[in-house]
Each structure stands twice: as C-alpha cells, then as structure tokens.
C-alpha cells in the first residue's frame, strides 16, 4: 500500500484509498457499458451515463464509507477501544 501511495507508514491515506476504490468499482462498469453499447444510449431506455443510481452507489457511497471508517476508528480509539474490540 505504501508503494502505491495509499499509506504512509502504518497510516492509510483515506482520501486516496477512497478515490482508488471508487475508480476500481466504476471503471469496469463503464468499460462494460461502452463495449455493450449502453453507455450513451441506443439499445436501452436509460443509458448508464444518464442513470444516477450507479453514480450514487459507486462514486458517492464507496468513498463515504471509507472516510466514515476513518472517523469511527479515530473516535473509538479516543474512547479506549482498540480494533479487536477490547478496551485498553
């Protein structure tokens, strides 16, 4: 993870991880839609690039979950709870 620039020491860079995960989930979907001819229109009523549900699922929800994990982990560690669920 450090080699890819997603971590600095033992700390993850949540913003970069969120962007990489969003790209990993979105790009295959876009590539397959282009190959099938349903990205811009043609064979379907609502093409992928005009359908807002995939945007919400992949480009908003995935980064929000990654960033939310960082906030919750920080909050739990401030209250004395370690990752394994045991108190210090």
N, C-alpha and C. Protein backbone atom coordinates (compact mmCIF):
# COMPACT_ATOMS: atom_id res chain seq x y z
N UNK A 1 0.82 -1.18 0.00
CA UNK A 1 0.00 0.00 0.00
C UNK A 1 0.87 1.25 0.00
N UNK A 2 2.00 1.17 0.66
CA UNK A 2 2.89 2.32 0.72
C UNK A 2 3.48 2.61 -0.66
N UNK A 3 3.80 1.58 -1.39
CA UNK A 3 4.38 1.73 -2.72
C UNK A 3 3.40 2.41 -3.68
N UNK A 4 2.11 2.15 -3.52
CA UNK A 4 1.09 2.75 -4.37
C UNK A 4 0.71 4.16 -3.90
N UNK A 5 1.26 4.61 -2.78
CA UNK A 5 0.94 5.92 -2.26
C UNK A 5 -0.35 5.97 -1.47
N UNK A 6 -0.87 4.79 -1.07
CA UNK A 6 -2.11 4.73 -0.33
C UNK A 6 -1.90 4.72 1.18
N UNK A 7 -0.65 4.59 1.59
CA UNK A 7 -0.35 4.55 3.03
C UNK A 7 0.94 5.30 3.28
N UNK A 8 1.04 5.82 4.47
CA UNK A 8 2.27 6.48 4.92
C UNK A 8 2.63 5.83 6.25
N UNK A 9 3.60 4.94 6.21
CA UNK A 9 3.91 4.15 7.41
C UNK A 9 2.78 3.19 7.68
N UNK A 10 2.24 3.22 8.89
CA UNK A 10 1.13 2.34 9.23
C UNK A 10 -0.22 3.04 9.03
N UNK A 11 -0.19 4.29 8.57
CA UNK A 11 -1.42 5.08 8.41
C UNK A 11 -1.89 5.08 6.96
N UNK A 12 -3.16 4.74 6.76
CA UNK A 12 -3.74 4.78 5.42
C UNK A 12 -4.10 6.21 5.06
N UNK A 13 -3.94 6.56 3.82
CA UNK A 13 -4.40 7.86 3.32
C UNK A 13 -5.81 7.65 2.81
N UNK A 14 -6.78 7.99 3.64
CA UNK A 14 -8.18 7.66 3.37
C UNK A 14 -8.69 8.30 2.09
N UNK A 15 -8.30 9.51 1.79
CA UNK A 15 -8.76 10.16 0.57
C UNK A 15 -8.32 9.43 -0.67
N UNK A 16 -7.06 9.04 -0.70
CA UNK A 16 -6.55 8.30 -1.86
C UNK A 16 -7.17 6.92 -1.96
N UNK A 17 -7.33 6.26 -0.82
CA UNK A 17 -7.97 4.94 -0.83
C UNK A 17 -9.39 5.05 -1.35
N UNK A 18 -10.11 6.09 -0.94
CA UNK A 18 -11.49 6.30 -1.40
C UNK A 18 -11.53 6.51 -2.91
N UNK A 19 -10.61 7.31 -3.44
CA UNK A 19 -10.58 7.55 -4.88
C UNK A 19 -10.24 6.29 -5.66
N UNK A 20 -9.28 5.51 -5.17
CA UNK A 20 -8.88 4.28 -5.86
C UNK A 20 -10.03 3.27 -5.85
N UNK A 21 -10.70 3.12 -4.71
CA UNK A 21 -11.81 2.17 -4.64
C UNK A 21 -12.98 2.62 -5.52
N UNK A 22 -13.24 3.91 -5.58
CA UNK A 22 -14.30 4.40 -6.46
C UNK A 22 -13.95 4.11 -7.92
N UNK A 23 -12.69 4.29 -8.29
CA UNK A 23 -12.27 4.00 -9.66
C UNK A 23 -12.34 2.51 -9.95
N UNK A 24 -11.94 1.70 -8.98
CA UNK A 24 -11.97 0.24 -9.18
C UNK A 24 -13.41 -0.25 -9.37
N UNK A 25 -14.37 0.36 -8.70
CA UNK A 25 -15.76 -0.07 -8.85
C UNK A 25 -16.43 0.54 -10.07
N UNK A 26 -16.06 1.76 -10.44
CA UNK A 26 -16.75 2.47 -11.52
C UNK A 26 -16.20 2.14 -12.91
N UNK A 27 -14.91 2.07 -13.05
CA UNK A 27 -14.31 1.89 -14.38
C UNK A 27 -14.71 0.58 -15.07
N UNK A 28 -14.71 -0.57 -14.40
CA UNK A 28 -15.16 -1.79 -15.10
C UNK A 28 -16.61 -1.68 -15.58
N UNK A 29 -17.45 -1.05 -14.77
CA UNK A 29 -18.84 -0.86 -15.16
C UNK A 29 -18.94 0.02 -16.41
N UNK A 30 -18.17 1.09 -16.44
CA UNK A 30 -18.17 1.99 -17.60
C UNK A 30 -17.61 1.29 -18.84
N UNK A 31 -16.54 0.55 -18.69
CA UNK A 31 -15.93 -0.16 -19.83
C UNK A 31 -16.91 -1.19 -20.39
N UNK A 32 -17.55 -1.95 -19.52
CA UNK A 32 -18.52 -2.94 -20.00
C UNK A 32 -19.71 -2.28 -20.67
N UNK A 33 -20.15 -1.14 -20.15
CA UNK A 33 -21.27 -0.42 -20.78
C UNK A 33 -20.88 0.10 -22.16
N UNK A 34 -19.66 0.57 -22.31
CA UNK A 34 -19.19 1.03 -23.62
C UNK A 34 -19.13 -0.13 -24.60
N UNK A 35 -18.58 -1.27 -24.15
CA UNK A 35 -18.48 -2.45 -25.02
C UNK A 35 -19.86 -2.93 -25.45
N UNK A 36 -20.82 -2.93 -24.52
CA UNK A 36 -22.17 -3.39 -24.83
C UNK A 36 -22.98 -2.34 -25.61
N UNK A 37 -22.50 -1.11 -25.65
CA UNK A 37 -23.20 -0.06 -26.39
C UNK A 37 -24.33 0.58 -25.61
N UNK A 38 -24.28 0.49 -24.28
CA UNK A 38 -25.36 1.07 -23.47
C UNK A 38 -24.87 2.23 -22.60
N UNK A 39 -23.69 2.73 -22.87
CA UNK A 39 -23.17 3.83 -22.06
C UNK A 39 -23.84 5.15 -22.43
N UNK A 40 -24.03 5.41 -23.72
CA UNK A 40 -24.60 6.68 -24.17
C UNK A 40 -26.03 6.57 -24.65
N UNK A 41 -26.48 5.40 -24.93
CA UNK A 41 -27.84 5.23 -25.42
C UNK A 41 -27.88 4.14 -26.47
N UNK A 42 -28.90 4.18 -27.28
CA UNK A 42 -29.00 3.19 -28.35
C UNK A 42 -29.98 2.09 -28.01
N UNK A 43 -29.51 1.05 -27.32
CA UNK A 43 -30.31 -0.15 -27.08
C UNK A 43 -31.17 -0.07 -25.83
N UNK A 44 -30.96 0.88 -24.97
CA UNK A 44 -31.66 0.93 -23.69
C UNK A 44 -32.40 2.25 -23.53
N UNK A 45 -33.39 2.24 -22.65
CA UNK A 45 -34.18 3.44 -22.39
C UNK A 45 -33.38 4.48 -21.62
N UNK A 46 -32.63 4.05 -20.60
CA UNK A 46 -31.81 4.96 -19.79
C UNK A 46 -30.36 4.49 -19.88
N UNK A 47 -29.50 5.21 -20.61
CA UNK A 47 -28.10 4.81 -20.71
C UNK A 47 -27.36 5.01 -19.39
N UNK A 48 -26.26 4.33 -19.25
CA UNK A 48 -25.50 4.36 -18.00
C UNK A 48 -25.11 5.78 -17.59
N UNK A 49 -24.63 6.57 -18.52
CA UNK A 49 -24.15 7.90 -18.18
C UNK A 49 -25.27 8.89 -17.87
N UNK A 50 -26.51 8.49 -18.07
CA UNK A 50 -27.65 9.33 -17.68
C UNK A 50 -28.44 8.73 -16.52
N UNK A 51 -28.00 7.62 -16.01
CA UNK A 51 -28.65 6.96 -14.87
C UNK A 51 -27.88 7.34 -13.61
N UNK A 52 -28.53 7.96 -12.67
CA UNK A 52 -27.84 8.49 -11.50
C UNK A 52 -27.66 7.47 -10.37
N UNK A 53 -28.34 6.35 -10.41
CA UNK A 53 -28.18 5.33 -9.38
C UNK A 53 -26.76 4.79 -9.30
N UNK A 54 -26.11 4.42 -10.42
CA UNK A 54 -24.72 3.95 -10.31
C UNK A 54 -23.77 5.02 -9.77
N UNK A 55 -24.03 6.29 -10.10
CA UNK A 55 -23.19 7.36 -9.54
C UNK A 55 -23.27 7.36 -8.02
N UNK A 56 -24.48 7.26 -7.52
CA UNK A 56 -24.66 7.25 -6.06
C UNK A 56 -24.05 6.04 -5.40
N UNK A 57 -24.18 4.90 -6.04
CA UNK A 57 -23.66 3.67 -5.44
C UNK A 57 -22.15 3.61 -5.46
N UNK A 58 -21.54 3.96 -6.56
CA UNK A 58 -20.11 3.74 -6.70
C UNK A 58 -19.26 4.97 -6.45
N UNK A 59 -19.71 6.13 -6.89
CA UNK A 59 -18.87 7.31 -6.79
C UNK A 59 -19.12 8.13 -5.52
N UNK A 60 -20.23 7.87 -4.83
CA UNK A 60 -20.51 8.59 -3.59
C UNK A 60 -20.43 7.65 -2.39
N UNK A 61 -21.13 6.52 -2.45
CA UNK A 61 -21.22 5.63 -1.29
C UNK A 61 -19.89 5.01 -0.90
N UNK A 62 -19.11 4.54 -1.86
CA UNK A 62 -17.83 3.89 -1.53
C UNK A 62 -16.87 4.87 -0.84
N UNK A 63 -16.63 6.07 -1.38
CA UNK A 63 -15.75 7.00 -0.66
C UNK A 63 -16.30 7.43 0.70
N UNK A 64 -17.61 7.60 0.81
CA UNK A 64 -18.19 7.98 2.11
C UNK A 64 -17.96 6.88 3.14
N UNK A 65 -18.10 5.63 2.74
CA UNK A 65 -17.85 4.53 3.67
C UNK A 65 -16.39 4.46 4.10
N UNK A 66 -15.48 4.67 3.18
CA UNK A 66 -14.04 4.64 3.51
C UNK A 66 -13.70 5.78 4.47
N UNK A 67 -14.17 6.98 4.16
CA UNK A 67 -13.88 8.12 5.02
C UNK A 67 -14.59 7.98 6.37
N UNK A 68 -15.78 7.42 6.36
CA UNK A 68 -16.51 7.19 7.61
C UNK A 68 -15.80 6.19 8.52
N UNK A 69 -15.18 5.19 7.93
CA UNK A 69 -14.44 4.21 8.72
C UNK A 69 -13.31 4.90 9.47
N UNK A 70 -12.65 5.82 8.82
CA UNK A 70 -11.54 6.54 9.47
C UNK A 70 -12.05 7.36 10.65
N UNK A 71 -13.18 8.02 10.48
CA UNK A 71 -13.75 8.83 11.56
C UNK A 71 -14.16 7.96 12.74
N UNK A 72 -14.82 6.85 12.46
CA UNK A 72 -15.28 5.96 13.53
C UNK A 72 -14.09 5.33 14.25
N UNK A 73 -13.07 4.92 13.50
CA UNK A 73 -11.88 4.32 14.12
C UNK A 73 -11.20 5.32 15.04
N UNK A 74 -11.07 6.56 14.61
CA UNK A 74 -10.46 7.59 15.43
C UNK A 74 -11.28 7.83 16.69
N UNK A 75 -12.59 7.89 16.56
CA UNK A 75 -13.47 8.12 17.70
C UNK A 75 -13.38 6.98 18.71
N UNK A 76 -13.35 5.75 18.20
CA UNK A 76 -13.26 4.60 19.09
C UNK A 76 -11.92 4.57 19.81
N UNK A 77 -10.84 4.91 19.11
CA UNK A 77 -9.52 4.88 19.75
C UNK A 77 -9.41 5.96 20.82
N UNK A 78 -10.08 7.10 20.62
CA UNK A 78 -10.08 8.15 21.64
C UNK A 78 -10.84 7.72 22.89
N UNK A 79 -11.80 6.81 22.72
CA UNK A 79 -12.59 6.33 23.85
C UNK A 79 -12.03 5.04 24.45
N UNK A 80 -10.86 4.64 24.03
CA UNK A 80 -10.19 3.50 24.64
C UNK A 80 -10.53 2.15 24.07
N UNK A 81 -11.14 2.09 22.90
CA UNK A 81 -11.48 0.81 22.29
C UNK A 81 -10.50 0.54 21.15
N UNK A 82 -9.85 -0.62 21.21
CA UNK A 82 -8.93 -1.00 20.14
C UNK A 82 -9.70 -1.67 19.01
N UNK A 83 -9.04 -1.92 17.91
CA UNK A 83 -9.68 -2.51 16.73
C UNK A 83 -10.28 -3.88 17.01
N UNK A 84 -9.67 -4.66 17.89
CA UNK A 84 -10.17 -6.01 18.16
C UNK A 84 -11.41 -5.97 19.05
N UNK A 85 -11.80 -4.80 19.51
CA UNK A 85 -12.98 -4.68 20.35
C UNK A 85 -12.67 -4.78 21.83
N UNK A 86 -11.41 -4.81 22.21
CA UNK A 86 -11.02 -4.89 23.62
C UNK A 86 -10.64 -3.51 24.13
N UNK A 87 -10.95 -3.24 25.38
CA UNK A 87 -10.58 -1.97 26.00
C UNK A 87 -9.12 -2.00 26.37
N UNK A 88 -8.52 -0.82 26.37
CA UNK A 88 -7.10 -0.71 26.75
C UNK A 88 -6.96 -0.76 28.25
